[in-house]
């Protein structure tokens, strides 16, 4: 009887309910810059932050991305697309983990482990031009299983 109660409780906690998508999260909002993201993985939300969060991109910005793994990471492929003011401008396919890919601390992590990417990032330019940016980011493992997926929206409003 105790096992039935446990199974019913877990089933109730994991039920889909009325939620059809993850909420939009605010990374930051200032007078000249806004950054938001939403997980596009129907099963799992992720955590993201940037510091400092500004349209002026410093050489040493810190990115933090956290996720609980539902699958192992031996090979990890990143697919990203960027749009500027509605126009498609960039597509990038990169292996982050693999035989010839760079070795990050999260490579080789197993299902159920918490992964926190907490490192400096460099964007290659110093200031985001005025406009709206939309970035689609998807991470897939060696079995094409979605490890994480998020859509980012950035608004750059330089002072007049």
N, C-alpha and C. Protein backbone atom coordinates (compact mmCIF):
# COMPACT_ATOMS: atom_id res chain seq x y z
N UNK A 1 0.82 -1.20 0.00
CA UNK A 1 0.00 0.00 0.00
C UNK A 1 0.87 1.26 0.00
N UNK A 2 1.97 1.19 0.75
CA UNK A 2 2.87 2.34 0.82
C UNK A 2 3.46 2.65 -0.55
N UNK A 3 3.82 1.60 -1.33
CA UNK A 3 4.38 1.80 -2.66
C UNK A 3 3.37 2.46 -3.60
N UNK A 4 2.11 2.09 -3.49
CA UNK A 4 1.07 2.69 -4.32
C UNK A 4 0.94 4.18 -4.00
N UNK A 5 0.98 4.52 -2.73
CA UNK A 5 0.89 5.93 -2.32
C UNK A 5 2.07 6.72 -2.87
N UNK A 6 3.26 6.13 -2.86
CA UNK A 6 4.44 6.80 -3.39
C UNK A 6 4.31 7.01 -4.89
N UNK A 7 3.88 5.98 -5.61
CA UNK A 7 3.71 6.08 -7.06
C UNK A 7 2.66 7.13 -7.40
N UNK A 8 1.54 7.16 -6.69
CA UNK A 8 0.49 8.16 -6.94
C UNK A 8 0.99 9.57 -6.65
N UNK A 9 1.75 9.73 -5.58
CA UNK A 9 2.28 11.05 -5.24
C UNK A 9 3.25 11.53 -6.31
N UNK A 10 4.15 10.68 -6.75
CA UNK A 10 5.11 11.05 -7.80
C UNK A 10 4.37 11.36 -9.10
N UNK A 11 3.38 10.56 -9.46
CA UNK A 11 2.60 10.81 -10.67
C UNK A 11 1.89 12.16 -10.60
N UNK A 12 1.37 12.49 -9.44
CA UNK A 12 0.68 13.76 -9.27
C UNK A 12 1.66 14.93 -9.41
N UNK A 13 2.85 14.78 -8.84
CA UNK A 13 3.85 15.84 -8.93
C UNK A 13 4.36 16.05 -10.34
N UNK A 14 4.41 14.98 -11.13
CA UNK A 14 4.96 15.05 -12.48
C UNK A 14 3.91 15.27 -13.57
N UNK A 15 2.66 15.46 -13.18
CA UNK A 15 1.60 15.63 -14.18
C UNK A 15 1.81 16.92 -14.96
N UNK A 16 1.41 16.95 -16.22
CA UNK A 16 1.65 18.12 -17.05
C UNK A 16 0.89 19.36 -16.59
N UNK A 17 -0.33 19.22 -16.11
CA UNK A 17 -1.09 20.38 -15.66
C UNK A 17 -1.45 21.27 -16.83
N UNK A 18 -1.62 22.56 -16.57
CA UNK A 18 -2.03 23.52 -17.58
C UNK A 18 -0.86 24.21 -18.27
N UNK A 19 0.35 24.00 -17.80
CA UNK A 19 1.50 24.68 -18.37
C UNK A 19 1.80 24.13 -19.77
N UNK A 20 1.86 25.02 -20.75
CA UNK A 20 2.13 24.61 -22.12
C UNK A 20 3.56 24.97 -22.55
N UNK A 21 4.19 25.91 -21.85
CA UNK A 21 5.56 26.29 -22.14
C UNK A 21 6.18 26.92 -20.90
N UNK A 22 7.50 27.02 -20.90
CA UNK A 22 8.21 27.62 -19.78
C UNK A 22 8.03 29.13 -19.80
N UNK A 23 8.10 29.76 -18.66
CA UNK A 23 7.96 31.23 -18.63
C UNK A 23 9.19 31.91 -19.22
N UNK A 24 9.01 33.15 -19.62
CA UNK A 24 10.14 33.97 -20.08
C UNK A 24 10.85 34.51 -18.84
N UNK A 25 12.16 34.29 -18.78
CA UNK A 25 12.98 34.74 -17.66
C UNK A 25 13.70 36.02 -18.04
N UNK A 26 13.80 36.95 -17.12
CA UNK A 26 14.54 38.19 -17.34
C UNK A 26 15.97 37.99 -16.85
N UNK A 27 16.93 38.20 -17.73
CA UNK A 27 18.33 38.16 -17.34
C UNK A 27 18.70 39.52 -16.74
N UNK A 28 18.34 40.59 -17.45
CA UNK A 28 18.53 41.93 -16.92
C UNK A 28 17.71 42.92 -17.73
N UNK A 29 17.47 44.08 -17.11
CA UNK A 29 16.71 45.14 -17.78
C UNK A 29 17.23 46.47 -17.25
N UNK A 30 17.86 47.25 -18.14
CA UNK A 30 18.35 48.57 -17.80
C UNK A 30 17.77 49.56 -18.81
N UNK A 31 18.14 50.83 -18.68
CA UNK A 31 17.58 51.83 -19.60
C UNK A 31 18.06 51.64 -21.03
N UNK A 32 19.23 51.00 -21.23
CA UNK A 32 19.74 50.84 -22.59
C UNK A 32 19.89 49.40 -23.06
N UNK A 33 19.50 48.44 -22.21
CA UNK A 33 19.67 47.04 -22.60
C UNK A 33 18.68 46.15 -21.84
N UNK A 34 18.09 45.19 -22.56
CA UNK A 34 17.21 44.19 -21.96
C UNK A 34 17.60 42.83 -22.50
N UNK A 35 17.58 41.82 -21.64
CA UNK A 35 17.91 40.46 -22.05
C UNK A 35 16.95 39.49 -21.40
N UNK A 36 16.36 38.61 -22.21
CA UNK A 36 15.38 37.63 -21.75
C UNK A 36 15.71 36.27 -22.37
N UNK A 37 15.23 35.19 -21.74
CA UNK A 37 15.34 33.88 -22.35
C UNK A 37 14.18 33.01 -21.92
N UNK A 38 13.93 31.99 -22.74
CA UNK A 38 12.88 31.01 -22.47
C UNK A 38 13.39 29.65 -22.92
N UNK A 39 13.25 28.65 -22.08
CA UNK A 39 13.64 27.29 -22.47
C UNK A 39 12.68 26.79 -23.55
N UNK A 40 13.24 26.20 -24.60
CA UNK A 40 12.40 25.62 -25.65
C UNK A 40 12.35 24.10 -25.55
N UNK A 41 12.90 23.55 -24.48
CA UNK A 41 12.80 22.13 -24.19
C UNK A 41 11.51 21.92 -23.39
N UNK A 42 10.57 21.15 -23.90
CA UNK A 42 9.29 21.01 -23.20
C UNK A 42 9.40 20.29 -21.85
N UNK A 43 10.50 19.60 -21.60
CA UNK A 43 10.63 18.83 -20.36
C UNK A 43 11.46 19.50 -19.28
N UNK A 44 12.26 20.52 -19.64
CA UNK A 44 13.19 21.04 -18.64
C UNK A 44 13.51 22.51 -18.88
N UNK A 45 13.51 23.27 -17.81
CA UNK A 45 13.93 24.66 -17.84
C UNK A 45 15.42 24.71 -17.50
N UNK A 46 16.07 25.82 -17.82
CA UNK A 46 17.49 26.00 -17.50
C UNK A 46 17.66 27.32 -16.77
N UNK A 47 18.83 27.52 -16.18
CA UNK A 47 19.15 28.78 -15.53
C UNK A 47 20.26 29.48 -16.29
N UNK A 48 20.13 30.80 -16.50
CA UNK A 48 21.12 31.56 -17.25
C UNK A 48 21.33 32.92 -16.58
N UNK A 49 22.58 33.37 -16.52
CA UNK A 49 22.88 34.74 -16.10
C UNK A 49 24.16 35.22 -16.78
N UNK A 50 24.28 36.53 -16.93
CA UNK A 50 25.47 37.19 -17.45
C UNK A 50 25.84 38.31 -16.50
N UNK A 51 27.14 38.50 -16.28
CA UNK A 51 27.57 39.56 -15.39
C UNK A 51 28.85 40.19 -15.94
N UNK A 52 28.89 41.48 -16.18
CA UNK A 52 27.77 42.40 -16.10
C UNK A 52 26.85 42.21 -17.29
N UNK A 53 25.62 42.55 -17.13
CA UNK A 53 24.62 42.41 -18.19
C UNK A 53 24.40 43.79 -18.79
N UNK A 54 25.03 44.03 -19.93
CA UNK A 54 25.05 45.37 -20.52
C UNK A 54 25.23 45.26 -22.02
N UNK A 55 24.84 46.30 -22.74
CA UNK A 55 25.07 46.35 -24.19
C UNK A 55 26.53 46.61 -24.50
N UNK A 56 27.26 47.13 -23.51
CA UNK A 56 28.70 47.30 -23.64
C UNK A 56 29.34 45.98 -23.21
N UNK A 57 29.94 45.29 -24.14
CA UNK A 57 30.46 43.95 -23.89
C UNK A 57 31.91 44.04 -23.44
N UNK A 58 32.13 43.74 -22.19
CA UNK A 58 33.48 43.79 -21.64
C UNK A 58 34.26 42.55 -22.06
N UNK A 59 35.58 42.64 -21.98
CA UNK A 59 36.42 41.50 -22.34
C UNK A 59 36.22 40.33 -21.40
N UNK A 60 35.82 40.61 -20.18
CA UNK A 60 35.67 39.54 -19.20
C UNK A 60 34.26 39.50 -18.64
N UNK A 61 33.30 39.18 -19.49
CA UNK A 61 31.93 38.95 -19.04
C UNK A 61 31.83 37.50 -18.58
N UNK A 62 31.08 37.28 -17.53
CA UNK A 62 30.90 35.93 -17.01
C UNK A 62 29.53 35.41 -17.42
N UNK A 63 29.50 34.23 -18.00
CA UNK A 63 28.26 33.55 -18.34
C UNK A 63 28.07 32.37 -17.39
N UNK A 64 26.86 32.22 -16.87
CA UNK A 64 26.52 31.07 -16.04
C UNK A 64 25.29 30.41 -16.64
N UNK A 65 25.41 29.12 -16.88
CA UNK A 65 24.29 28.33 -17.40
C UNK A 65 24.23 27.06 -16.58
N UNK A 66 23.06 26.77 -16.01
CA UNK A 66 22.90 25.59 -15.18
C UNK A 66 21.78 24.70 -15.68
N UNK A 67 22.02 23.37 -15.63
CA UNK A 67 21.02 22.40 -16.08
C UNK A 67 21.28 21.06 -15.39
N UNK A 68 20.22 20.34 -15.11
CA UNK A 68 20.33 18.96 -14.61
C UNK A 68 20.25 18.04 -15.81
N UNK A 69 21.23 17.17 -15.96
CA UNK A 69 21.29 16.30 -17.15
C UNK A 69 20.26 15.18 -17.09
N UNK A 70 19.57 15.00 -18.20
CA UNK A 70 18.66 13.86 -18.35
C UNK A 70 19.30 12.76 -19.18
N UNK A 71 20.47 13.05 -19.74
CA UNK A 71 21.24 12.08 -20.52
C UNK A 71 22.73 12.37 -20.32
N UNK A 72 23.56 11.36 -20.57
CA UNK A 72 25.00 11.53 -20.48
C UNK A 72 25.51 12.47 -21.57
N UNK A 73 26.66 13.12 -21.30
CA UNK A 73 27.33 13.95 -22.31
C UNK A 73 28.69 13.34 -22.59
N UNK A 74 28.82 12.66 -23.71
CA UNK A 74 30.13 12.22 -24.19
C UNK A 74 30.53 13.08 -25.38
N UNK A 75 29.62 13.23 -26.32
CA UNK A 75 29.76 14.18 -27.41
C UNK A 75 28.67 15.22 -27.21
N UNK A 76 29.00 16.49 -27.44
CA UNK A 76 28.00 17.55 -27.29
C UNK A 76 28.12 18.50 -28.47
N UNK A 77 27.01 18.69 -29.16
CA UNK A 77 26.94 19.52 -30.35
C UNK A 77 26.08 20.75 -30.04
N UNK A 78 26.58 21.95 -30.39
CA UNK A 78 25.82 23.18 -30.21
C UNK A 78 25.39 23.70 -31.57
N UNK A 79 24.11 23.97 -31.70
CA UNK A 79 23.55 24.55 -32.91
C UNK A 79 22.96 25.90 -32.50
N UNK A 80 23.40 26.98 -33.13
CA UNK A 80 22.87 28.30 -32.80
C UNK A 80 22.54 29.08 -34.06
N UNK A 81 21.50 29.90 -33.95
CA UNK A 81 21.07 30.78 -35.04
C UNK A 81 20.83 32.15 -34.44
N UNK A 82 21.19 33.19 -35.20
CA UNK A 82 21.00 34.55 -34.71
C UNK A 82 20.26 35.38 -35.75
N UNK A 83 19.32 36.19 -35.25
CA UNK A 83 18.55 37.10 -36.08
C UNK A 83 18.75 38.52 -35.53
N UNK A 84 18.88 39.49 -36.43
CA UNK A 84 19.03 40.89 -36.04
C UNK A 84 17.92 41.68 -36.71
N UNK A 85 17.07 42.31 -35.90
CA UNK A 85 15.91 43.05 -36.39
C UNK A 85 15.09 42.21 -37.38
N UNK A 86 14.93 40.93 -37.05
CA UNK A 86 14.12 40.01 -37.84
C UNK A 86 14.84 39.35 -39.01
N UNK A 87 16.04 39.77 -39.32
CA UNK A 87 16.79 39.20 -40.45
C UNK A 87 17.77 38.14 -39.95
N UNK A 88 17.78 37.01 -40.62
CA UNK A 88 18.69 35.91 -40.29
C UNK A 88 20.11 36.32 -40.65
N UNK A 89 21.04 36.30 -39.66
CA UNK A 89 22.40 36.76 -39.95
C UNK A 89 23.50 35.75 -39.67
N UNK A 90 23.22 34.74 -38.83
CA UNK A 90 24.31 33.85 -38.45
C UNK A 90 23.77 32.47 -38.07
N UNK A 91 24.52 31.44 -38.49
CA UNK A 91 24.24 30.07 -38.07
C UNK A 91 25.57 29.43 -37.73
N UNK A 92 25.62 28.78 -36.57
CA UNK A 92 26.88 28.16 -36.17
C UNK A 92 26.60 26.76 -35.62
N UNK A 93 27.36 25.79 -36.12
CA UNK A 93 27.35 24.42 -35.62
C UNK A 93 28.74 24.14 -35.05
N UNK A 94 28.79 23.75 -33.79
CA UNK A 94 30.07 23.53 -33.13
C UNK A 94 29.99 22.33 -32.21
N UNK A 95 31.04 21.52 -32.19
CA UNK A 95 31.14 20.45 -31.20
C UNK A 95 31.85 21.00 -29.97
N UNK A 96 31.23 20.88 -28.81
CA UNK A 96 31.81 21.35 -27.56
C UNK A 96 32.52 20.23 -26.82
N UNK A 97 32.05 19.00 -27.01
CA UNK A 97 32.66 17.83 -26.38
C UNK A 97 32.80 16.75 -27.44
N UNK A 98 33.93 16.10 -27.46
CA UNK A 98 34.14 15.02 -28.42
C UNK A 98 35.60 14.70 -28.55
N UNK A 99 35.89 13.85 -29.50
CA UNK A 99 37.26 13.36 -29.69
C UNK A 99 38.21 14.48 -30.11
N UNK A 100 37.77 15.37 -31.00
CA UNK A 100 38.63 16.45 -31.47
C UNK A 100 38.16 17.82 -30.98
N UNK A 101 37.07 17.86 -30.22
CA UNK A 101 36.52 19.13 -29.73
C UNK A 101 37.21 19.53 -28.43
N UNK A 102 37.11 20.81 -28.06
CA UNK A 102 37.69 21.25 -26.78
C UNK A 102 37.10 20.47 -25.61
N UNK A 103 37.85 20.33 -24.59
CA UNK A 103 37.41 19.59 -23.40
C UNK A 103 36.95 20.59 -22.35
N UNK A 104 35.65 20.67 -22.13
CA UNK A 104 35.08 21.51 -21.09
C UNK A 104 34.84 20.66 -19.84
N UNK A 105 34.66 21.31 -18.72
CA UNK A 105 34.47 20.60 -17.45
C UNK A 105 33.21 19.74 -17.44
N UNK A 106 32.22 20.08 -18.27
CA UNK A 106 30.97 19.32 -18.29
C UNK A 106 31.03 18.11 -19.22
N UNK A 107 32.05 17.97 -20.03
CA UNK A 107 32.18 16.81 -20.92
C UNK A 107 32.38 15.55 -20.07
N UNK A 108 31.64 14.51 -20.40
CA UNK A 108 31.74 13.26 -19.65
C UNK A 108 30.80 13.18 -18.46
N UNK A 109 30.01 14.23 -18.20
CA UNK A 109 29.06 14.20 -17.08
C UNK A 109 27.95 13.19 -17.39
N UNK A 110 27.36 12.65 -16.33
CA UNK A 110 26.37 11.59 -16.46
C UNK A 110 24.96 12.08 -16.12
N UNK A 111 23.99 11.33 -16.59
CA UNK A 111 22.58 11.60 -16.33
C UNK A 111 22.36 11.82 -14.83
N UNK A 112 21.59 12.87 -14.51
CA UNK A 112 21.27 13.17 -13.12
C UNK A 112 22.20 14.17 -12.46
N UNK A 113 23.37 14.41 -13.08
CA UNK A 113 24.31 15.37 -12.50
C UNK A 113 23.89 16.79 -12.86
N UNK A 114 24.23 17.73 -11.99
CA UNK A 114 23.99 19.15 -12.24
C UNK A 114 25.21 19.72 -12.93
N UNK A 115 25.00 20.39 -14.05
CA UNK A 115 26.08 21.01 -14.79
C UNK A 115 25.95 22.51 -14.65
N UNK A 116 27.04 23.16 -14.24
CA UNK A 116 27.09 24.61 -14.15
C UNK A 116 28.27 25.09 -14.98
N UNK A 117 27.97 25.77 -16.08
CA UNK A 117 29.01 26.41 -16.89
C UNK A 117 29.16 27.82 -16.33
N UNK A 118 30.32 28.14 -15.80
CA UNK A 118 30.56 29.42 -15.15
C UNK A 118 31.94 29.91 -15.58
N UNK A 119 31.98 30.60 -16.73
CA UNK A 119 33.26 31.00 -17.31
C UNK A 119 33.15 32.36 -17.98
N UNK A 120 34.31 32.93 -18.28
CA UNK A 120 34.37 34.17 -19.05
C UNK A 120 34.00 33.87 -20.50
N UNK A 121 33.33 34.82 -21.13
CA UNK A 121 32.99 34.70 -22.54
C UNK A 121 33.48 35.96 -23.25
N UNK A 122 33.84 35.80 -24.51
CA UNK A 122 34.29 36.92 -25.33
C UNK A 122 33.46 36.91 -26.60
N UNK A 123 32.81 38.03 -26.91
CA UNK A 123 31.91 38.10 -28.05
C UNK A 123 32.59 38.58 -29.33
N UNK A 124 33.81 39.08 -29.25
CA UNK A 124 34.52 39.51 -30.43
C UNK A 124 34.24 40.94 -30.86
N UNK A 125 33.34 41.64 -30.19
CA UNK A 125 33.09 43.06 -30.46
C UNK A 125 32.73 43.71 -29.14
N UNK A 126 32.79 45.04 -29.09
CA UNK A 126 32.70 45.72 -27.80
C UNK A 126 31.32 46.25 -27.43
N UNK A 127 30.46 46.51 -28.41
CA UNK A 127 29.14 47.07 -28.12
C UNK A 127 28.11 46.48 -29.08
N UNK A 128 26.95 46.15 -28.55
CA UNK A 128 25.85 45.68 -29.40
C UNK A 128 25.22 46.88 -30.09
N UNK A 129 25.16 46.89 -31.41
CA UNK A 129 24.46 47.98 -32.10
C UNK A 129 22.98 48.01 -31.71
N UNK A 130 22.37 49.16 -31.87
CA UNK A 130 20.96 49.34 -31.55
C UNK A 130 20.13 48.33 -32.35
N UNK A 131 19.17 47.70 -31.67
CA UNK A 131 18.28 46.79 -32.37
C UNK A 131 17.81 45.65 -31.49
N UNK A 132 17.10 44.73 -32.14
CA UNK A 132 16.56 43.55 -31.47
C UNK A 132 17.30 42.32 -31.99
N UNK A 133 17.76 41.51 -31.05
CA UNK A 133 18.48 40.27 -31.38
C UNK A 133 17.68 39.09 -30.87
N UNK A 134 17.60 38.06 -31.70
CA UNK A 134 16.95 36.82 -31.30
C UNK A 134 17.94 35.69 -31.55
N UNK A 135 18.24 34.92 -30.51
CA UNK A 135 19.23 33.84 -30.62
C UNK A 135 18.59 32.54 -30.21
N UNK A 136 18.70 31.54 -31.07
CA UNK A 136 18.20 30.19 -30.78
C UNK A 136 19.42 29.31 -30.49
N UNK A 137 19.40 28.64 -29.35
CA UNK A 137 20.54 27.82 -28.95
C UNK A 137 20.04 26.43 -28.56
N UNK A 138 20.69 25.40 -29.12
CA UNK A 138 20.30 24.02 -28.84
C UNK A 138 21.56 23.19 -28.64
N UNK A 139 21.57 22.39 -27.56
CA UNK A 139 22.69 21.49 -27.27
C UNK A 139 22.18 20.06 -27.36
N UNK A 140 22.85 19.26 -28.19
CA UNK A 140 22.45 17.86 -28.42
C UNK A 140 23.62 16.94 -28.10
N UNK A 141 23.30 15.77 -27.50
CA UNK A 141 24.38 14.81 -27.24
C UNK A 141 24.56 13.88 -28.43
N UNK A 142 25.38 12.86 -28.24
CA UNK A 142 25.74 11.95 -29.34
C UNK A 142 24.56 11.16 -29.91
N UNK A 143 23.46 11.09 -29.17
CA UNK A 143 22.26 10.37 -29.64
C UNK A 143 21.19 11.34 -30.13
N UNK A 144 21.59 12.60 -30.40
CA UNK A 144 20.68 13.67 -30.83
C UNK A 144 19.61 13.95 -29.77
N UNK A 145 19.94 13.67 -28.52
CA UNK A 145 19.04 13.95 -27.41
C UNK A 145 19.27 15.38 -26.95
N UNK A 146 18.20 16.13 -26.76
CA UNK A 146 18.29 17.53 -26.37
C UNK A 146 18.76 17.65 -24.92
N UNK A 147 19.97 18.19 -24.73
CA UNK A 147 20.51 18.42 -23.40
C UNK A 147 19.97 19.73 -22.85
N UNK A 148 19.93 20.76 -23.67
CA UNK A 148 19.37 22.06 -23.29
C UNK A 148 18.97 22.80 -24.55
N UNK A 149 18.00 23.68 -24.40
CA UNK A 149 17.51 24.45 -25.53
C UNK A 149 16.93 25.75 -24.98
N UNK A 150 17.33 26.88 -25.56
CA UNK A 150 16.80 28.16 -25.09
C UNK A 150 16.76 29.16 -26.24
N UNK A 151 15.80 30.06 -26.15
CA UNK A 151 15.69 31.17 -27.08
C UNK A 151 15.93 32.45 -26.30
N UNK A 152 16.84 33.29 -26.79
CA UNK A 152 17.21 34.53 -26.13
C UNK A 152 16.73 35.71 -26.97
N UNK A 153 16.22 36.74 -26.30
CA UNK A 153 15.83 37.98 -26.95
C UNK A 153 16.58 39.11 -26.25
N UNK A 154 17.30 39.91 -27.04
CA UNK A 154 18.08 41.03 -26.51
C UNK A 154 17.62 42.31 -27.21
N UNK A 155 17.46 43.36 -26.43
CA UNK A 155 17.10 44.67 -26.96
C UNK A 155 18.20 45.65 -26.58
N UNK A 156 18.83 46.26 -27.58
CA UNK A 156 19.87 47.25 -27.34
C UNK A 156 19.32 48.62 -27.70
N UNK A 157 19.26 49.51 -26.70
CA UNK A 157 18.74 50.87 -26.88
C UNK A 157 19.81 51.86 -26.46
N UNK A 158 20.73 52.22 -27.36
CA UNK A 158 21.78 53.15 -26.94
C UNK A 158 21.19 54.50 -26.56
N UNK A 159 21.84 55.18 -25.62
CA UNK A 159 21.35 56.51 -25.24
C UNK A 159 21.40 57.48 -26.43
N UNK A 160 20.44 58.36 -26.47
CA UNK A 160 20.34 59.33 -27.57
C UNK A 160 21.14 60.56 -27.26
